[in-house]
Amino acid sequence: MLKSGDAYMLERESALAEGLDCVAAELRLVDPQDYVAFMRLELFGNIANIVNSSTELYFQPGTMKFGMSGEVDVRWGAPARVILDMEFDHQGVKAYFRLLLDADSAAVELTYLAFSQADSDPEANTQRLKEAIVAARHADGRRSSRIAALMSTQHKAVFEAL
C-alpha cells in the first residue's frame, strides 16, 4: 500500500522532532515570559541567541537556527505556548518548520522542505532527511542528551524538595 503525502509529512515531522528533543528541552528552561517579552518587543536577536546557545550543544554550527520569527500563545487559565520558526540546512536538505513548545512537550510543524537533487522516490527523500539530521549532530550528542536528562531530573527533584 502506498503512503499518502500526509504520511510522509508526519514521518518527516517526527524525524525532526526526534532530532530536536534535547534542543527543545534546553529551550524550555527559559521562562516563557522572556519569550513573550522578546516577541512583543521584537527583540528577535535575543531569541536567536537563546536558540543558538541551545542548538550549539547538539548540532554543528549553522545547521539549525532560529528563523527570526515566531509567536506566543498566552491566555488566562491556559499554559503558555511558544512557537519558534526554525531552519535546518545540512547536506543539501533544507527544512523550514515551527517548533511548538509548552510546559510538558514539544512538537514540530513542517512548513517547507527542499532537497538539492531530490529523488523521485519520497521514501528516499525522507531517509535523506533523517541521515542529514544525524550527520548534523555532534558526535557526542548522545552523551550531551543524557547529561541534559540527568540535569532535568535533578532540577525536578530540587523543585519538589522546596
C-alpha atoms as a PDB file:
ATOM      1  CA  MET A   1       0.000   0.000   0.000  1.00  0.00           C
ATOM      2  CA  LEU A   2       1.343   3.407  -0.969  1.00  0.00           C
ATOM      3  CA  LYS A   3       1.776   6.139   1.623  1.00  0.00           C
ATOM      4  CA  SER A   4      -0.150   9.366   1.250  1.00  0.00           C
ATOM      5  CA  GLY A   5       1.546  12.755   1.256  1.00  0.00           C
ATOM      6  CA  ASP A   6       0.313  13.261   4.825  1.00  0.00           C
ATOM      7  CA  ALA A   7       2.043  10.067   5.958  1.00  0.00           C
ATOM      8  CA  TYR A   8       5.357  11.299   4.541  1.00  0.00           C
ATOM      9  CA  MET A   9       4.816  14.675   6.197  1.00  0.00           C
ATOM     10  CA  LEU A  10       4.154  13.048   9.579  1.00  0.00           C
ATOM     11  CA  GLU A  11       7.224  10.822   9.253  1.00  0.00           C
ATOM     12  CA  ARG A  12       9.383  13.824   8.366  1.00  0.00           C
ATOM     13  CA  GLU A  13       7.988  15.922  11.214  1.00  0.00           C
ATOM     14  CA  SER A  14       8.634  13.022  13.563  1.00  0.00           C
ATOM     15  CA  ALA A  15      12.262  12.780  12.370  1.00  0.00           C
ATOM     16  CA  LEU A  16      12.790  16.490  13.042  1.00  0.00           C
ATOM     17  CA  ALA A  17      11.074  16.258  16.430  1.00  0.00           C
ATOM     18  CA  GLU A  18      13.238  13.320  17.492  1.00  0.00           C
ATOM     19  CA  GLY A  19      16.366  15.131  16.333  1.00  0.00           C
ATOM     20  CA  LEU A  20      15.387  18.221  18.319  1.00  0.00           C
ATOM     21  CA  ASP A  21      14.259  16.605  21.566  1.00  0.00           C
ATOM     22  CA  CYS A  22      17.299  17.789  23.525  1.00  0.00           C
ATOM     23  CA  VAL A  23      17.192  21.260  21.985  1.00  0.00           C
ATOM     24  CA  ALA A  24      13.519  21.579  22.919  1.00  0.00           C
ATOM     25  CA  ALA A  25      14.353  20.559  26.487  1.00  0.00           C
ATOM     26  CA  GLU A  26      17.028  23.271  26.600  1.00  0.00           C
ATOM     27  CA  LEU A  27      14.662  25.890  25.178  1.00  0.00           C
ATOM     28  CA  ARG A  28      12.018  25.020  27.777  1.00  0.00           C
ATOM     29  CA  LEU A  29      14.477  26.002  30.519  1.00  0.00           C
ATOM     30  CA  VAL A  30      13.875  29.629  29.522  1.00  0.00           C
ATOM     31  CA  ASP A  31      10.933  31.287  31.267  1.00  0.00           C
ATOM     32  CA  PRO A  32       8.016  31.658  28.817  1.00  0.00           C
ATOM     33  CA  GLN A  33       7.630  35.257  29.982  1.00  0.00           C
ATOM     34  CA  ASP A  34      11.034  36.014  28.465  1.00  0.00           C
ATOM     35  CA  TYR A  35       9.854  34.701  25.093  1.00  0.00           C
ATOM     36  CA  VAL A  36       6.683  36.800  25.420  1.00  0.00           C
ATOM     37  CA  ALA A  37       8.688  39.946  26.155  1.00  0.00           C
ATOM     38  CA  PHE A  38      11.187  39.354  23.358  1.00  0.00           C
ATOM     39  CA  MET A  39       8.435  38.654  20.812  1.00  0.00           C
ATOM     40  CA  ARG A  40       6.290  41.612  21.809  1.00  0.00           C
ATOM     41  CA  LEU A  41       9.274  43.972  21.756  1.00  0.00           C
ATOM     42  CA  GLU A  42      10.528  42.394  18.504  1.00  0.00           C
ATOM     43  CA  LEU A  43      13.861  41.511  20.096  1.00  0.00           C
ATOM     44  CA  PHE A  44      14.328  38.520  17.814  1.00  0.00           C
ATOM     45  CA  GLY A  45      18.111  38.695  18.180  1.00  0.00           C
ATOM     46  CA  ASN A  46      17.712  37.763  21.851  1.00  0.00           C
ATOM     47  CA  ILE A  47      15.696  34.692  20.886  1.00  0.00           C
ATOM     48  CA  ALA A  48      18.282  33.840  18.232  1.00  0.00           C
ATOM     49  CA  ASN A  49      20.982  33.914  20.936  1.00  0.00           C
ATOM     50  CA  ILE A  50      18.939  31.574  23.134  1.00  0.00           C
ATOM     51  CA  VAL A  51      18.322  29.193  20.226  1.00  0.00           C
ATOM     52  CA  ASN A  52      21.986  29.305  19.167  1.00  0.00           C
ATOM     53  CA  SER A  53      23.102  28.525  22.717  1.00  0.00           C
ATOM     54  CA  SER A  54      20.741  25.559  22.828  1.00  0.00           C
ATOM     55  CA  THR A  55      21.486  24.171  19.387  1.00  0.00           C
ATOM     56  CA  GLU A  56      25.274  24.501  19.583  1.00  0.00           C
ATOM     57  CA  LEU A  57      25.300  21.837  22.281  1.00  0.00           C
ATOM     58  CA  TYR A  58      23.881  19.248  19.909  1.00  0.00           C
ATOM     59  CA  PHE A  59      24.267  20.431  16.287  1.00  0.00           C
ATOM     60  CA  GLN A  60      27.122  21.627  14.119  1.00  0.00           C
ATOM     61  CA  PRO A  61      27.263  25.413  13.708  1.00  0.00           C
ATOM     62  CA  GLY A  62      24.807  26.865  11.216  1.00  0.00           C
ATOM     63  CA  THR A  63      22.830  23.687  10.643  1.00  0.00           C
ATOM     64  CA  MET A  64      19.935  24.581  12.953  1.00  0.00           C
ATOM     65  CA  LYS A  65      18.870  28.169  13.584  1.00  0.00           C
ATOM     66  CA  PHE A  66      16.051  30.468  14.565  1.00  0.00           C
ATOM     67  CA  GLY A  67      14.130  31.877  11.595  1.00  0.00           C
ATOM     68  CA  MET A  68      13.748  35.331  13.218  1.00  0.00           C
ATOM     69  CA  SER A  69      10.001  34.913  13.632  1.00  0.00           C
ATOM     70  CA  GLY A  70       7.566  33.250  15.957  1.00  0.00           C
ATOM     71  CA  GLU A  71       4.644  33.802  18.245  1.00  0.00           C
ATOM     72  CA  VAL A  72       3.417  33.156  21.738  1.00  0.00           C
ATOM     73  CA  ASP A  73       0.017  31.926  22.798  1.00  0.00           C
ATOM     74  CA  VAL A  74      -0.758  33.218  26.271  1.00  0.00           C
ATOM     75  CA  ARG A  75      -4.321  33.074  27.587  1.00  0.00           C
ATOM     76  CA  TRP A  76      -5.862  33.371  31.028  1.00  0.00           C
ATOM     77  CA  GLY A  77      -6.119  29.977  32.678  1.00  0.00           C
ATOM     78  CA  ALA A  78      -4.152  28.144  29.982  1.00  0.00           C
ATOM     79  CA  PRO A  79      -0.489  27.203  29.828  1.00  0.00           C
ATOM     80  CA  ALA A  80       1.744  29.359  27.661  1.00  0.00           C
ATOM     81  CA  ARG A  81       2.833  28.064  24.279  1.00  0.00           C
ATOM     82  CA  VAL A  82       5.880  29.384  22.443  1.00  0.00           C
ATOM     83  CA  ILE A  83       6.154  28.871  18.696  1.00  0.00           C
ATOM     84  CA  LEU A  84       9.540  29.430  17.082  1.00  0.00           C
ATOM     85  CA  ASP A  85      10.149  29.468  13.344  1.00  0.00           C
ATOM     86  CA  MET A  86      13.241  27.380  12.717  1.00  0.00           C
ATOM     87  CA  GLU A  87      15.526  26.436   9.838  1.00  0.00           C
ATOM     88  CA  PHE A  88      17.560  23.294   9.237  1.00  0.00           C
ATOM     89  CA  ASP A  89      20.183  23.199   6.469  1.00  0.00           C
ATOM     90  CA  HIS A  90      22.633  20.336   6.007  1.00  0.00           C
ATOM     91  CA  GLN A  91      23.817  18.030   3.205  1.00  0.00           C
ATOM     92  CA  GLY A  92      21.526  19.611   0.621  1.00  0.00           C
ATOM     93  CA  VAL A  93      18.427  19.295   2.802  1.00  0.00           C
ATOM     94  CA  LYS A  94      16.626  22.484   3.814  1.00  0.00           C
ATOM     95  CA  ALA A  95      13.701  22.371   6.200  1.00  0.00           C
ATOM     96  CA  TYR A  96      11.664  25.264   7.480  1.00  0.00           C
ATOM     97  CA  PHE A  97       9.454  24.391  10.403  1.00  0.00           C
ATOM     98  CA  ARG A  98       7.765  25.654  13.527  1.00  0.00           C
ATOM     99  CA  LEU A  99       8.887  24.366  16.898  1.00  0.00           C
ATOM    100  CA  LEU A 100       5.959  24.411  19.322  1.00  0.00           C
ATOM    101  CA  LEU A 101       6.973  24.452  22.979  1.00  0.00           C
ATOM    102  CA  ASP A 102       4.787  24.199  26.038  1.00  0.00           C
ATOM    103  CA  ALA A 103       5.463  23.250  29.643  1.00  0.00           C
ATOM    104  CA  ASP A 104       5.436  19.491  29.113  1.00  0.00           C
ATOM    105  CA  SER A 105       6.125  18.845  25.464  1.00  0.00           C
ATOM    106  CA  ALA A 106       7.355  19.993  22.096  1.00  0.00           C
ATOM    107  CA  ALA A 107       6.099  19.424  18.582  1.00  0.00           C
ATOM    108  CA  VAL A 108       7.255  20.176  15.062  1.00  0.00           C
ATOM    109  CA  GLU A 109       5.147  21.534  12.222  1.00  0.00           C
ATOM    110  CA  LEU A 110       6.986  21.282   8.907  1.00  0.00           C
ATOM    111  CA  THR A 111       6.239  24.232   6.609  1.00  0.00           C
ATOM    112  CA  TYR A 112       8.708  23.726   3.751  1.00  0.00           C
ATOM    113  CA  LEU A 113      11.189  21.039   2.773  1.00  0.00           C
ATOM    114  CA  ALA A 114      13.607  21.105  -0.145  1.00  0.00           C
ATOM    115  CA  PHE A 115      16.263  18.701  -1.364  1.00  0.00           C
ATOM    116  CA  SER A 116      19.086  19.546  -3.725  1.00  0.00           C
ATOM    117  CA  GLN A 117      18.791  16.903  -6.423  1.00  0.00           C
ATOM    118  CA  ALA A 118      15.621  15.408  -4.928  1.00  0.00           C
ATOM    119  CA  ASP A 119      14.900  11.756  -5.587  1.00  0.00           C
ATOM    120  CA  SER A 120      11.674  10.809  -7.355  1.00  0.00           C
ATOM    121  CA  ASP A 121      11.008   8.353  -4.503  1.00  0.00           C
ATOM    122  CA  PRO A 122       9.570  10.144  -1.437  1.00  0.00           C
ATOM    123  CA  GLU A 123      10.847   7.344   0.831  1.00  0.00           C
ATOM    124  CA  ALA A 124      14.408   8.042  -0.308  1.00  0.00           C
ATOM    125  CA  ASN A 125      13.936  11.761   0.378  1.00  0.00           C
ATOM    126  CA  THR A 126      12.608  11.021   3.862  1.00  0.00           C
ATOM    127  CA  GLN A 127      15.618   8.802   4.528  1.00  0.00           C
ATOM    128  CA  ARG A 128      17.885  11.563   3.277  1.00  0.00           C
ATOM    129  CA  LEU A 129      16.318  13.994   5.773  1.00  0.00           C
ATOM    130  CA  LYS A 130      16.889  11.526   8.614  1.00  0.00           C
ATOM    131  CA  GLU A 131      20.502  10.998   7.591  1.00  0.00           C
ATOM    132  CA  ALA A 132      21.104  14.755   7.325  1.00  0.00           C
ATOM    133  CA  ILE A 133      19.757  15.276  10.846  1.00  0.00           C
ATOM    134  CA  VAL A 134      22.026  12.550  12.233  1.00  0.00           C
ATOM    135  CA  ALA A 135      25.028  13.898  10.308  1.00  0.00           C
ATOM    136  CA  ALA A 136      24.379  17.443  11.574  1.00  0.00           C
ATOM    137  CA  ARG A 137      24.524  16.352  15.207  1.00  0.00           C
ATOM    138  CA  HIS A 138      27.743  16.455  17.187  1.00  0.00           C
ATOM    139  CA  ALA A 139      29.315  13.057  17.638  1.00  0.00           C
ATOM    140  CA  ASP A 140      28.952  13.385  21.420  1.00  0.00           C
ATOM    141  CA  GLY A 141      25.276  14.447  21.148  1.00  0.00           C
ATOM    142  CA  ARG A 142      24.038  11.287  22.849  1.00  0.00           C
ATOM    143  CA  ARG A 143      26.259  11.971  25.841  1.00  0.00           C
ATOM    144  CA  SER A 144      25.024  15.576  25.979  1.00  0.00           C
ATOM    145  CA  SER A 145      21.409  14.434  25.819  1.00  0.00           C
ATOM    146  CA  ARG A 146      21.972  12.070  28.744  1.00  0.00           C
ATOM    147  CA  ILE A 147      23.526  14.911  30.732  1.00  0.00           C
ATOM    148  CA  ALA A 148      20.551  17.145  29.883  1.00  0.00           C
ATOM    149  CA  ALA A 149      18.135  14.420  31.001  1.00  0.00           C
ATOM    150  CA  LEU A 150      20.002  13.982  34.275  1.00  0.00           C
ATOM    151  CA  MET A 151      20.041  17.723  34.877  1.00  0.00           C
ATOM    152  CA  SER A 152      16.319  17.936  34.151  1.00  0.00           C
ATOM    153  CA  THR A 153      15.640  15.137  36.633  1.00  0.00           C
ATOM    154  CA  GLN A 154      17.816  16.830  39.251  1.00  0.00           C
ATOM    155  CA  HIS A 155      16.030  20.165  38.694  1.00  0.00           C
ATOM    156  CA  LYS A 156      12.661  18.474  39.242  1.00  0.00           C
ATOM    157  CA  ALA A 157      13.916  16.851  42.434  1.00  0.00           C
ATOM    158  CA  VAL A 158      15.204  20.180  43.737  1.00  0.00           C
ATOM    159  CA  PHE A 159      11.922  21.972  42.998  1.00  0.00           C
ATOM    160  CA  GLU A 160       9.868  19.173  44.530  1.00  0.00           C
ATOM    161  CA  ALA A 161      12.024  19.351  47.663  1.00  0.00           C
ATOM    162  CA  LEU A 162      11.294  23.075  48.017  1.00  0.00           C
END
